[in-house]
């Protein structure tokens, strides 16, 4: 009974476990090789086959953080699997190899093993020092440019790398309190940096990288502003304008060629009535011979033609604005689609500026924007903006829509501001949030 159970259940399990043990070296080498292939795939796809450069401005900070975490994970897999591979090869004996032949287990050829090991060494040799990853990271590089002092530069890099590692690994209460104060280690780090002969070169290199980032960001901002404006003006003068003028000349006899909406017509009639009343008033007060009804009618008719020409030009200009604005939006969207690298650099540029401000400056900017767009006097500003947009496009000002917009949109913006302060700013800069609440009160 016991022997049958052993043959049917226990023995197959032992054989499978032993086969798994004999394949440990092959399995470990394959997993290390796959991890090296993952690193090589990132290099080929995103860095043109070169080493992963954490000082590059090609991608944003969040993307570079992903590359760094992925690289660390794959390097850890390579180290663990190679250690497992070496240990399993060390404990393998001739008897194990004989048993493997009995189980029909074929080990890979030595040439294939050497080829995989050579590939793994070529890929991982470029990332042997993890400190280089932190020192070349764009966040550390940007933080190091706040002051030219090399000691403070290195100190901020060390503190930032410690904070980032702390955020990625859970801490216990014994880890949060060291045996010695951190200021002692900071002093040693500062002395080490001051004695480093390459500190000045690193500061100059970081300054040049920041200067290049600033130039790219300012140039891209100017392009985003100037190119759509030029597109609007040139298209309006050279393309849209002649087409609209030609169309309105063919339909000049129609009333729609003069007035696009009833508000324009009412404004024209009011202006003509005021002109007629002014003529009659001046005629009654003048000491000369009063004007006849025919003369008054001729002046009113002349003024009516002037008003009509003026509103015909306004209507034509509004139609041109619609098509010119569409072309400007298309141009702006096209610039954003072809400038992904510049957008990443611009994001890092704004992050460096915003997070480099003092707490009082951050609170001042937040209060300024919230009071302008969602404050007590903001409805008047939104009303002026919406009426200006409707006049720009020749649309009648729908006051019901304007009042509904003012009643809902600032409330939504205010909710977004409060959520951003609670969700992100409170985590990134709690002191700025406290300063904001104190200034707001």
Protein backbone atom coordinates (compact mmCIF):
# COMPACT_ATOMS: atom_id res chain seq x y z
CA UNK A 1 0.00 0.00 0.00
CA UNK A 2 2.69 2.46 1.03
CA UNK A 3 4.96 1.46 -1.84
CA UNK A 4 2.20 1.97 -4.40
CA UNK A 5 1.42 5.44 -3.03
CA UNK A 6 5.13 6.26 -3.17
CA UNK A 7 5.40 5.15 -6.78
CA UNK A 8 2.25 6.89 -7.91
CA UNK A 9 2.48 10.25 -6.09
CA UNK A 10 5.69 10.88 -4.20
CA UNK A 11 8.19 9.51 -6.69
CA UNK A 12 6.92 11.58 -9.68
CA UNK A 13 7.02 14.70 -7.51
CA UNK A 14 10.60 13.98 -6.44
CA UNK A 15 11.65 13.34 -10.03
CA UNK A 16 10.06 16.61 -11.20
CA UNK A 17 11.74 18.53 -8.38
CA UNK A 18 15.10 17.01 -9.21
CA UNK A 19 14.69 17.84 -12.90
CA UNK A 20 13.84 21.42 -11.90
CA UNK A 21 17.01 21.52 -9.76
CA UNK A 22 19.18 20.22 -12.58
CA UNK A 23 17.86 22.97 -14.89
CA UNK A 24 18.54 25.76 -12.39
CA UNK A 25 21.68 27.00 -14.10
CA UNK A 26 20.06 27.04 -17.53
CA UNK A 27 16.94 28.75 -16.22
CA UNK A 28 18.90 31.40 -14.29
CA UNK A 29 21.05 32.22 -17.30
CA UNK A 30 17.98 32.58 -19.53
CA UNK A 31 16.27 34.96 -17.09
CA UNK A 32 19.44 37.08 -16.79
CA UNK A 33 19.71 37.12 -20.58
CA UNK A 34 16.06 38.23 -20.92
CA UNK A 35 16.64 41.06 -18.43
CA UNK A 36 19.68 42.21 -20.43
CA UNK A 37 17.54 42.10 -23.58
CA UNK A 38 14.98 44.37 -21.87
CA UNK A 39 17.70 46.93 -21.11
CA UNK A 40 19.00 46.70 -24.67
CA UNK A 41 15.47 47.20 -26.03
CA UNK A 42 15.11 50.45 -24.08
CA UNK A 43 18.48 51.64 -25.39
CA UNK A 44 17.60 50.80 -29.00
CA UNK A 45 14.09 52.26 -28.94
CA UNK A 46 14.58 55.45 -26.95
CA UNK A 47 18.33 56.24 -26.99
CA UNK A 48 19.41 55.15 -30.49
CA UNK A 49 21.26 52.11 -29.16
CA UNK A 50 23.37 54.14 -26.75
CA UNK A 51 23.59 54.05 -22.98
CA UNK A 52 20.52 55.30 -21.10
CA UNK A 53 21.41 58.94 -20.51
CA UNK A 54 19.66 60.37 -17.47
CA UNK A 55 21.09 63.81 -18.20
CA UNK A 56 19.25 64.05 -21.51
CA UNK A 57 16.50 66.64 -22.02
CA UNK A 58 14.81 64.47 -24.64
CA UNK A 59 12.18 63.15 -22.22
CA UNK A 60 10.35 64.56 -19.22
CA UNK A 61 11.28 63.86 -15.62
CA UNK A 62 8.50 61.30 -15.12
CA UNK A 63 9.61 59.36 -18.20
CA UNK A 64 13.22 59.36 -17.01
CA UNK A 65 12.06 58.14 -13.59
CA UNK A 66 10.35 55.23 -15.32
CA UNK A 67 13.52 54.40 -17.26
CA UNK A 68 15.55 54.52 -14.05
CA UNK A 69 13.18 52.26 -12.13
CA UNK A 70 13.01 49.80 -15.04
CA UNK A 71 16.80 49.77 -15.33
CA UNK A 72 17.23 49.14 -11.61
CA UNK A 73 14.74 46.29 -11.73
CA UNK A 74 16.40 44.58 -14.69
CA UNK A 75 19.89 45.05 -13.23
CA UNK A 76 18.71 43.49 -9.99
CA UNK A 77 17.33 40.52 -11.90
CA UNK A 78 20.64 40.13 -13.75
CA UNK A 79 22.68 40.19 -10.52
CA UNK A 80 20.42 37.72 -8.72
CA UNK A 81 20.17 35.29 -11.63
CA UNK A 82 23.89 35.36 -12.36
CA UNK A 83 24.60 34.64 -8.69
CA UNK A 84 22.15 31.76 -8.86
CA UNK A 85 23.77 30.57 -12.09
CA UNK A 86 27.26 30.58 -10.58
CA UNK A 87 26.12 28.82 -7.40
CA UNK A 88 24.25 26.09 -9.30
CA UNK A 89 27.24 25.53 -11.60
CA UNK A 90 29.51 25.30 -8.58
CA UNK A 91 27.42 22.58 -6.92
CA UNK A 92 26.98 20.53 -10.07
CA UNK A 93 29.08 17.37 -10.11
CA UNK A 94 29.73 14.56 -12.53
CA UNK A 95 27.03 12.47 -10.87
CA UNK A 96 24.50 15.25 -11.50
CA UNK A 97 25.48 15.33 -15.16
CA UNK A 98 25.05 11.55 -15.43
CA UNK A 99 21.61 11.78 -13.85
CA UNK A 100 20.74 14.62 -16.26
CA UNK A 101 21.61 12.35 -19.18
CA UNK A 102 19.39 9.64 -17.71
CA UNK A 103 16.52 12.16 -17.49
CA UNK A 104 17.17 13.25 -21.09
CA UNK A 105 18.15 16.76 -19.97
CA UNK A 106 20.41 18.44 -22.50
CA UNK A 107 22.45 21.40 -21.30
CA UNK A 108 23.15 24.23 -23.76
CA UNK A 109 26.41 24.20 -25.63
CA UNK A 110 29.34 26.05 -23.97
CA UNK A 111 29.54 28.39 -26.95
CA UNK A 112 25.92 29.47 -26.43
CA UNK A 113 26.51 29.96 -22.70
CA UNK A 114 29.58 32.09 -23.37
CA UNK A 115 27.70 34.13 -25.97
CA UNK A 116 24.89 34.91 -23.53
CA UNK A 117 27.31 35.79 -20.74
CA UNK A 118 29.26 38.05 -23.09
CA UNK A 119 26.08 39.87 -24.12
CA UNK A 120 25.01 40.29 -20.48
CA UNK A 121 28.41 41.72 -19.54
CA UNK A 122 28.37 44.16 -22.48
CA UNK A 123 24.97 45.51 -21.50
CA UNK A 124 25.46 45.71 -17.73
CA UNK A 125 29.05 46.98 -17.80
CA UNK A 126 27.73 50.46 -18.65
CA UNK A 127 25.70 50.61 -15.44
CA UNK A 128 28.11 49.29 -12.84
CA UNK A 129 27.95 52.44 -10.70
CA UNK A 130 24.50 53.32 -9.48
CA UNK A 131 25.81 56.69 -8.23
CA UNK A 132 26.23 57.81 -11.82
CA UNK A 133 22.52 57.33 -12.38
CA UNK A 134 21.66 59.71 -9.55
CA UNK A 135 24.27 62.32 -10.42
CA UNK A 136 23.20 62.43 -14.09
CA UNK A 137 19.48 62.47 -13.36
CA UNK A 138 17.83 65.70 -14.64
CA UNK A 139 16.04 66.37 -11.35
CA UNK A 140 19.30 66.25 -9.42
CA UNK A 141 21.01 68.27 -12.12
CA UNK A 142 18.34 70.98 -11.98
CA UNK A 143 18.37 71.13 -8.22
CA UNK A 144 22.13 71.48 -8.25
CA UNK A 145 21.95 74.69 -10.29
CA UNK A 146 20.16 76.72 -7.67
CA UNK A 147 23.54 77.86 -6.34
CA UNK A 148 27.02 77.81 -7.79
CA UNK A 149 28.59 76.61 -4.58
CA UNK A 150 29.86 73.06 -5.27
CA UNK A 151 29.41 71.97 -1.67
CA UNK A 152 25.75 72.98 -1.59
CA UNK A 153 25.34 71.51 -5.06
CA UNK A 154 26.48 68.06 -4.02
CA UNK A 155 24.65 68.29 -0.70
CA UNK A 156 21.34 68.91 -2.45
CA UNK A 157 21.97 66.01 -4.82
CA UNK A 158 22.67 63.67 -1.93
CA UNK A 159 19.59 64.81 -0.01
CA UNK A 160 17.39 64.46 -3.07
CA UNK A 161 18.66 60.96 -3.84
CA UNK A 162 18.04 59.98 -0.22
CA UNK A 163 14.50 61.35 -0.39
CA UNK A 164 13.78 59.52 -3.63
CA UNK A 165 15.06 56.23 -2.29
CA UNK A 166 13.03 56.77 0.88
CA UNK A 167 9.89 57.31 -1.19
CA UNK A 168 10.42 54.08 -3.10
CA UNK A 169 11.14 51.83 -0.09
CA UNK A 170 9.00 51.48 3.02
CA UNK A 171 10.54 52.78 6.21
CA UNK A 172 10.30 51.49 9.69
CA UNK A 173 10.63 53.53 12.83
CA UNK A 174 14.17 52.29 13.37
CA UNK A 175 15.14 53.48 9.88
CA UNK A 176 13.89 57.03 10.37
CA UNK A 177 16.25 57.73 13.28
CA UNK A 178 19.96 57.18 12.75
CA UNK A 179 22.63 56.52 15.31
CA UNK A 180 24.36 59.79 14.42
CA UNK A 181 22.81 63.09 13.29
CA UNK A 182 22.51 63.55 9.54
CA UNK A 183 24.30 66.89 9.75
CA UNK A 184 27.54 65.05 10.50
CA UNK A 185 27.23 63.02 7.30
CA UNK A 186 26.30 66.20 5.41
CA UNK A 187 29.47 67.85 6.69
CA UNK A 188 31.59 64.95 5.49
CA UNK A 189 29.83 65.05 2.13
CA UNK A 190 30.46 68.78 1.81
CA UNK A 191 34.14 68.32 2.63
CA UNK A 192 34.37 65.53 0.08
CA UNK A 193 32.89 67.76 -2.61
CA UNK A 194 35.13 70.70 -1.73
CA UNK A 195 38.19 68.45 -2.07
CA UNK A 196 36.98 67.03 -5.38
CA UNK A 197 39.10 68.52 -8.23
CA UNK A 198 36.25 68.00 -10.76
CA UNK A 199 33.63 69.97 -8.80
CA UNK A 200 34.14 73.16 -10.79
CA UNK A 201 33.83 71.32 -14.08
CA UNK A 202 30.58 69.72 -12.95
CA UNK A 203 29.13 73.12 -12.01
CA UNK A 204 30.09 74.59 -15.40
CA UNK A 205 28.60 71.59 -17.20
CA UNK A 206 25.35 71.87 -15.23
CA UNK A 207 25.18 75.60 -15.93
CA UNK A 208 25.56 75.01 -19.66
CA UNK A 209 22.83 72.38 -19.61
CA UNK A 210 20.50 74.76 -17.79
CA UNK A 211 21.36 77.56 -20.20
CA UNK A 212 20.58 75.32 -23.16
CA UNK A 213 17.28 74.27 -21.57
CA UNK A 214 16.31 77.91 -20.97
CA UNK A 215 17.13 78.92 -24.56
CA UNK A 216 15.10 76.03 -25.97
CA UNK A 217 12.13 76.81 -23.69
CA UNK A 218 12.08 80.56 -24.42
CA UNK A 219 12.44 79.97 -28.15
CA UNK A 220 9.63 77.42 -28.13
CA UNK A 221 7.35 79.77 -26.17
CA UNK A 222 8.00 82.55 -28.67
CA UNK A 223 7.19 80.16 -31.53
CA UNK A 224 3.92 79.17 -29.85
CA UNK A 225 2.93 82.84 -29.62
CA UNK A 226 4.37 84.36 -32.81
CA UNK A 227 3.59 81.61 -35.34
CA UNK A 228 -0.21 81.46 -34.67
CA UNK A 229 -0.42 85.28 -34.69
CA UNK A 230 1.45 85.48 -38.00
CA UNK A 231 -0.72 82.71 -39.41
CA UNK A 232 -3.85 84.63 -38.38
CA UNK A 233 -2.72 87.92 -39.90
CA UNK A 234 -1.25 86.51 -43.12
CA UNK A 235 -4.16 84.17 -43.81
CA UNK A 236 -6.62 86.95 -43.09
CA UNK A 237 -4.86 89.38 -45.42
CA UNK A 238 -3.80 87.05 -48.24
CA UNK A 239 -6.16 84.06 -48.31
CA UNK A 240 -9.34 84.47 -46.30
CA UNK A 241 -9.76 88.23 -46.81
CA UNK A 242 -9.96 88.27 -50.63
CA UNK A 243 -12.34 85.30 -50.70
CA UNK A 244 -14.73 86.85 -48.16
CA UNK A 245 -14.63 90.29 -49.84
CA UNK A 246 -15.40 88.74 -53.22
CA UNK A 247 -18.34 86.82 -51.77
CA UNK A 248 -19.76 89.88 -50.00
CA UNK A 249 -19.49 92.00 -53.15
CA UNK A 250 -21.67 89.50 -54.99
CA UNK A 251 -24.27 89.65 -52.22
CA UNK A 252 -23.98 93.35 -51.40
CA UNK A 253 -27.66 93.94 -52.15
CA UNK A 254 -28.76 91.65 -49.33
CA UNK A 255 -29.22 92.92 -45.81
CA UNK A 256 -27.09 90.07 -44.44
CA UNK A 257 -24.12 91.57 -46.22
CA UNK A 258 -24.29 94.49 -43.79
CA UNK A 259 -25.48 93.01 -40.48
CA UNK A 260 -24.54 89.57 -39.18
CA UNK A 261 -26.90 89.72 -36.19
CA UNK A 262 -29.68 91.80 -34.74
CA UNK A 263 -27.35 93.50 -32.24
CA UNK A 264 -25.42 95.13 -35.08
CA UNK A 265 -28.65 96.33 -36.64
CA UNK A 266 -29.92 97.80 -33.37
CA UNK A 267 -26.57 99.52 -32.79
CA UNK A 268 -26.69 101.03 -36.29
CA UNK A 269 -30.25 102.29 -35.82
CA UNK A 270 -29.39 103.83 -32.46
CA UNK A 271 -26.40 105.62 -33.96
CA UNK A 272 -28.54 106.96 -36.83
CA UNK A 273 -31.28 108.15 -34.45
CA UNK A 274 -28.74 109.98 -32.30
CA UNK A 275 -27.34 111.65 -35.42
CA UNK A 276 -30.81 112.76 -36.53
CA UNK A 277 -31.63 114.15 -33.10
CA UNK A 278 -28.30 115.99 -32.96
CA UNK A 279 -28.96 117.63 -36.34
CA UNK A 280 -32.41 118.78 -35.28
CA UNK A 281 -31.08 120.05 -31.95
CA UNK A 282 -28.25 121.98 -33.62
CA UNK A 283 -30.72 123.34 -36.18
CA UNK A 284 -32.95 124.73 -33.44
CA UNK A 285 -30.05 126.36 -31.58
CA UNK A 286 -28.22 127.81 -34.58
CA UNK A 287 -28.49 131.54 -35.31
CA UNK A 288 -28.29 130.99 -39.04
CA UNK A 289 -31.10 130.09 -41.38
CA UNK A 290 -32.65 126.77 -40.32
CA UNK A 291 -32.10 123.77 -42.54
CA UNK A 292 -34.95 122.54 -44.64
CA UNK A 293 -36.39 119.06 -44.26
CA UNK A 294 -34.80 118.06 -47.56
CA UNK A 295 -31.33 119.14 -46.36
CA UNK A 296 -31.79 117.26 -43.08
CA UNK A 297 -32.90 114.19 -45.01
CA UNK A 298 -29.83 114.38 -47.27
CA UNK A 299 -27.48 114.54 -44.24
CA UNK A 300 -29.24 111.60 -42.60
CA UNK A 301 -29.01 109.61 -45.83
CA UNK A 302 -25.29 110.33 -46.12
CA UNK A 303 -24.75 109.29 -42.52
CA UNK A 304 -26.76 106.11 -43.10
CA UNK A 305 -24.43 105.14 -45.96
CA UNK A 306 -21.41 105.77 -43.75
CA UNK A 307 -22.86 103.64 -40.95
CA UNK A 308 -23.73 100.88 -43.42
CA UNK A 309 -20.19 100.84 -44.80
CA UNK A 310 -18.75 100.71 -41.32
CA UNK A 311 -20.92 97.76 -40.26
CA UNK A 312 -20.33 96.00 -43.58
CA UNK A 313 -16.62 96.17 -42.81
CA UNK A 314 -17.24 94.90 -39.26
CA UNK A 315 -19.27 91.97 -40.57
CA UNK A 316 -16.64 91.12 -43.14
CA UNK A 317 -13.91 91.34 -40.50
CA UNK A 318 -15.85 89.01 -38.16
CA UNK A 319 -16.22 86.37 -40.89
CA UNK A 320 -12.51 86.63 -41.68
CA UNK A 321 -11.68 86.21 -37.99
CA UNK A 322 -13.57 82.90 -37.83
CA UNK A 323 -11.57 81.25 -40.63
CA UNK A 324 -8.28 82.88 -39.63
CA UNK A 325 -8.72 81.64 -36.04
CA UNK A 326 -9.36 78.11 -37.32
CA UNK A 327 -6.11 78.20 -39.29
CA UNK A 328 -4.29 79.57 -36.23
CA UNK A 329 -5.59 76.72 -34.05
CA UNK A 330 -4.51 74.19 -36.68
CA UNK A 331 -1.05 75.74 -36.78
CA UNK A 332 -0.79 75.75 -32.98
CA UNK A 333 -1.86 72.09 -32.82
CA UNK A 334 0.65 71.18 -35.54
CA UNK A 335 3.42 72.88 -33.57
CA UNK A 336 2.54 70.86 -30.49
CA UNK A 337 2.47 67.59 -32.41
CA UNK A 338 5.92 68.04 -33.98
CA UNK A 339 7.59 69.45 -30.86
CA UNK A 340 7.41 66.62 -28.31
CA UNK A 341 11.06 67.06 -27.33
CA UNK A 342 10.62 70.80 -26.85
CA UNK A 343 7.49 70.21 -24.77
CA UNK A 344 9.44 67.88 -22.46
CA UNK A 345 12.18 70.50 -22.08
CA UNK A 346 9.56 73.22 -21.48
CA UNK A 347 7.90 71.11 -18.77
CA UNK A 348 11.24 70.66 -16.99
CA UNK A 349 11.86 74.39 -17.35
CA UNK A 350 8.54 75.31 -15.70
CA UNK A 351 9.03 72.69 -13.00
CA UNK A 352 12.43 74.15 -12.21
CA UNK A 353 10.98 77.69 -12.01
CA UNK A 354 7.80 76.85 -10.08
CA UNK A 355 9.34 74.53 -7.52
CA UNK A 356 12.29 76.87 -7.14
CA UNK A 357 10.05 79.69 -5.87
CA UNK A 358 9.77 80.47 -2.21
CA UNK A 359 6.67 79.49 -0.25
CA UNK A 360 5.39 83.06 -0.07
CA UNK A 361 5.84 83.49 -3.84
CA UNK A 362 3.92 80.28 -4.54
CA UNK A 363 1.11 81.38 -2.24
CA UNK A 364 1.02 84.85 -3.85
CA UNK A 365 0.73 83.41 -7.37
CA UNK A 366 -2.00 80.97 -6.34
CA UNK A 367 -4.04 83.72 -4.64
CA UNK A 368 -3.56 86.03 -7.64
CA UNK A 369 -4.83 83.47 -10.15
CA UNK A 370 -7.70 82.27 -7.99
CA UNK A 371 -8.92 85.81 -7.30
CA UNK A 372 -8.75 86.70 -11.01
CA UNK A 373 -10.53 83.65 -12.37
CA UNK A 374 -12.71 82.40 -9.50
CA UNK A 375 -12.78 85.32 -7.08
CA UNK A 376 -15.54 87.71 -6.06
CA UNK A 377 -15.01 90.09 -9.01
CA UNK A 378 -14.30 87.39 -11.62
CA UNK A 379 -17.88 87.30 -13.09
CA UNK A 380 -17.38 90.81 -14.52
CA UNK A 381 -14.15 89.73 -16.17
CA UNK A 382 -15.71 86.58 -17.64
CA UNK A 383 -18.62 88.64 -18.97
CA UNK A 384 -16.25 91.06 -20.74
CA UNK A 385 -14.22 88.15 -22.18
CA UNK A 386 -17.28 86.30 -23.53
CA UNK A 387 -18.80 89.45 -25.03
CA UNK A 388 -15.47 90.28 -26.65
CA UNK A 389 -15.23 86.78 -28.16
CA UNK A 390 -18.78 86.97 -29.51
CA UNK A 391 -18.07 90.40 -31.03
CA UNK A 392 -14.79 89.07 -32.50
CA UNK A 393 -16.68 86.33 -34.36
CA UNK A 394 -19.75 88.42 -35.18
CA UNK A 395 -22.07 86.40 -32.94
CA UNK A 396 -24.91 87.86 -30.89
CA UNK A 397 -24.12 87.97 -27.18
CA UNK A 398 -26.40 85.36 -25.62
CA UNK A 399 -26.76 86.71 -22.11
CA UNK A 400 -28.48 83.57 -20.84
CA UNK A 401 -25.50 81.48 -21.91
CA UNK A 402 -23.07 84.03 -20.42
CA UNK A 403 -24.86 83.99 -17.05
CA UNK A 404 -25.00 80.17 -17.05
CA UNK A 405 -21.31 79.99 -17.91
CA UNK A 406 -20.41 82.43 -15.12
CA UNK A 407 -22.51 80.45 -12.65
CA UNK A 408 -20.82 77.10 -13.41
CA UNK A 409 -17.33 77.45 -14.91
CA UNK A 410 -15.68 79.50 -12.11
CA UNK A 411 -17.10 77.03 -9.60
CA UNK A 412 -15.51 74.14 -11.51
CA UNK A 413 -12.20 76.01 -11.68
CA UNK A 414 -12.33 76.72 -7.96
CA UNK A 415 -12.91 73.01 -7.25
CA UNK A 416 -9.96 72.07 -9.47
CA UNK A 417 -7.72 74.58 -7.69
CA UNK A 418 -8.70 73.28 -4.27
CA UNK A 419 -8.22 69.65 -5.32
CA UNK A 420 -4.78 70.45 -6.78
CA UNK A 421 -3.77 72.20 -3.56
CA UNK A 422 -5.02 69.31 -1.42
CA UNK A 423 -3.79 66.46 -3.63
CA UNK A 424 -0.46 67.64 -5.02
CA UNK A 425 0.79 70.88 -3.51
CA UNK A 426 0.11 69.68 0.02
CA UNK A 427 2.34 66.69 -0.65
CA UNK A 428 5.10 68.54 -2.53
CA UNK A 429 5.29 71.72 -0.45
CA UNK A 430 3.24 71.66 2.78
CA UNK A 431 4.83 74.92 3.95
CA UNK A 432 3.55 76.67 0.81
CA UNK A 433 0.03 75.45 1.59
CA UNK A 434 0.29 76.74 5.15
CA UNK A 435 1.53 80.12 3.84
CA UNK A 436 -1.35 80.18 1.34
CA UNK A 437 -3.95 79.61 4.08
CA UNK A 438 -2.38 82.27 6.29
CA UNK A 439 -2.32 84.84 3.46
CA UNK A 440 -5.84 83.94 2.40
CA UNK A 441 -7.17 84.51 5.89
